[in-house]
Amino acid sequence: MLPGRFQPRRYVIGHSELEIRGPAGSGRVTSLRFFGVLGVKLKSEYDSLTVAEADQSLRSEVLSFAGVAGRSWARKVRVFVLSEESFVACLSLVVRELVDADAPEGKLIYKS
């Protein structure tokens, strides 16, 4: 669980990229960047954020929603469940802790 207020910051449709940012404390920022985004269900804001892999039932439902169920490359798609009934279907996720909001790179926390 990541404490603090998180908001979708940037969603680039052409490159299928989504970034959600929130505070990490001490002036630092936690950045979650989803790449190869195929489908999302998001809130405009989260009081805290939990990210977990979807169970098989939800994964199947989301892949159908995204229109990729049954395709040969669908096995590469990751479905992450976010707090409060949100999800992101994507090819990868990178979580970093940034020194400040304008930093391009930071400490790697998680990479799928």
Protein backbone atom coordinates (compact mmCIF):
# COMPACT_ATOMS: atom_id res chain seq x y z
CA MET A 1 0.00 0.00 0.00
CA LEU A 2 1.26 3.43 -0.92
CA PRO A 3 -0.01 6.12 1.47
CA GLY A 4 -0.91 9.63 0.39
CA ARG A 5 -3.00 11.21 -2.35
CA PHE A 6 -2.43 9.83 -5.87
CA GLN A 7 -3.72 11.22 -9.15
CA PRO A 8 -3.38 10.20 -12.78
CA ARG A 9 -0.87 12.68 -14.11
CA ARG A 10 -0.39 11.85 -17.74
CA TYR A 11 -2.00 9.50 -20.23
CA VAL A 12 -0.39 9.35 -23.65
CA ILE A 13 -2.72 7.55 -26.05
CA GLY A 14 -0.31 7.33 -29.00
CA HIS A 15 2.32 5.59 -26.92
CA SER A 16 -0.16 3.86 -24.60
CA GLU A 17 1.51 5.20 -21.47
CA LEU A 18 -0.10 6.13 -18.16
CA GLU A 19 1.57 7.77 -15.18
CA ILE A 20 0.08 8.05 -11.70
CA ARG A 21 1.95 10.12 -9.11
CA GLY A 22 1.69 10.63 -5.40
CA PRO A 23 3.82 11.68 -2.44
CA ALA A 24 6.53 9.43 -1.04
CA GLY A 25 7.33 11.78 1.85
CA SER A 26 10.19 14.18 2.54
CA GLY A 27 9.51 16.09 -0.68
CA ARG A 28 9.89 12.95 -2.78
CA VAL A 29 7.36 11.69 -5.32
CA THR A 30 6.23 8.12 -6.10
CA SER A 31 5.71 7.55 -9.84
CA LEU A 32 3.87 4.56 -11.29
CA ARG A 33 4.35 4.33 -15.08
CA PHE A 34 2.30 1.80 -17.04
CA PHE A 35 3.54 1.00 -20.56
CA GLY A 36 1.63 -0.58 -23.43
CA VAL A 37 -1.70 0.35 -21.85
CA LEU A 38 -4.65 -1.50 -23.40
CA GLY A 39 -7.46 -0.63 -20.99
CA VAL A 40 -8.05 1.36 -17.82
CA LYS A 41 -10.69 2.11 -15.26
CA LEU A 42 -9.49 4.93 -13.02
CA LYS A 43 -10.72 7.38 -10.45
CA SER A 44 -9.63 10.99 -10.68
CA GLU A 45 -7.95 10.73 -7.28
CA TYR A 46 -6.95 8.13 -4.66
CA ASP A 47 -6.43 8.78 -0.94
CA SER A 48 -3.96 5.88 -0.90
CA LEU A 49 -3.02 3.35 -3.54
CA THR A 50 -2.72 -0.43 -3.51
CA VAL A 51 -1.44 -2.21 -6.62
CA ALA A 52 -1.85 -5.98 -7.06
CA GLU A 53 -2.09 -8.54 -9.86
CA ALA A 54 -5.69 -9.33 -10.83
CA ASP A 55 -7.06 -12.79 -10.15
CA GLN A 56 -7.79 -15.00 -13.19
CA SER A 57 -11.49 -14.16 -13.28
CA LEU A 58 -10.95 -10.38 -13.39
CA ARG A 59 -8.00 -10.80 -15.76
CA SER A 60 -10.23 -12.66 -18.25
CA GLU A 61 -12.94 -10.01 -17.93
CA VAL A 62 -10.49 -7.14 -18.49
CA LEU A 63 -8.83 -8.84 -21.48
CA SER A 64 -12.28 -9.25 -23.06
CA PHE A 65 -13.05 -5.59 -22.28
CA ALA A 66 -9.77 -4.54 -23.93
CA GLY A 67 -10.50 -6.70 -26.97
CA VAL A 68 -7.37 -8.83 -26.68
CA ALA A 69 -8.76 -12.07 -25.22
CA GLY A 70 -7.76 -15.04 -27.34
CA ARG A 71 -4.94 -13.25 -29.17
CA SER A 72 -1.57 -15.00 -29.14
CA TRP A 73 0.15 -12.13 -27.32
CA ALA A 74 -2.57 -11.74 -24.65
CA ARG A 75 -0.49 -13.84 -22.23
CA LYS A 76 2.01 -10.95 -22.08
CA VAL A 77 -0.65 -8.53 -20.82
CA ARG A 78 -0.51 -7.75 -17.11
CA VAL A 79 -3.67 -6.66 -15.31
CA PHE A 80 -3.06 -4.61 -12.17
CA VAL A 81 -5.88 -3.89 -9.74
CA LEU A 82 -5.68 -0.49 -8.08
CA SER A 83 -7.51 0.64 -4.97
CA GLU A 84 -11.24 1.17 -5.10
CA GLU A 85 -12.22 -1.05 -8.06
CA SER A 86 -9.82 0.41 -10.62
CA PHE A 87 -7.56 -1.48 -13.01
CA VAL A 88 -4.88 -1.04 -15.65
CA ALA A 89 -4.24 -3.62 -18.38
CA CYS A 90 -0.74 -3.10 -19.77
CA LEU A 91 2.49 -4.76 -20.85
CA SER A 92 4.65 -3.46 -17.98
CA LEU A 93 4.77 -1.31 -14.85
CA VAL A 94 7.69 0.65 -13.38
CA VAL A 95 7.46 2.23 -9.92
CA ARG A 96 10.10 4.79 -8.94
CA GLU A 97 10.70 7.18 -6.08
CA LEU A 98 11.75 10.55 -7.48
CA VAL A 99 13.76 13.19 -5.63
CA ASP A 100 11.37 15.86 -6.93
CA ALA A 101 8.43 16.13 -9.30
CA ASP A 102 10.61 17.20 -12.25
CA ALA A 103 13.17 14.39 -11.95
CA PRO A 104 13.11 12.06 -14.99
CA GLU A 105 14.56 9.04 -13.15
CA GLY A 106 14.78 7.97 -9.55
CA LYS A 107 15.17 5.01 -7.25
CA LEU A 108 13.64 1.89 -8.82
CA ILE A 109 11.04 0.35 -6.48
CA TYR A 110 9.41 -2.23 -8.79
CA LYS A 111 9.59 -3.29 -12.42
CA SER A 112 7.43 -5.90 -14.13
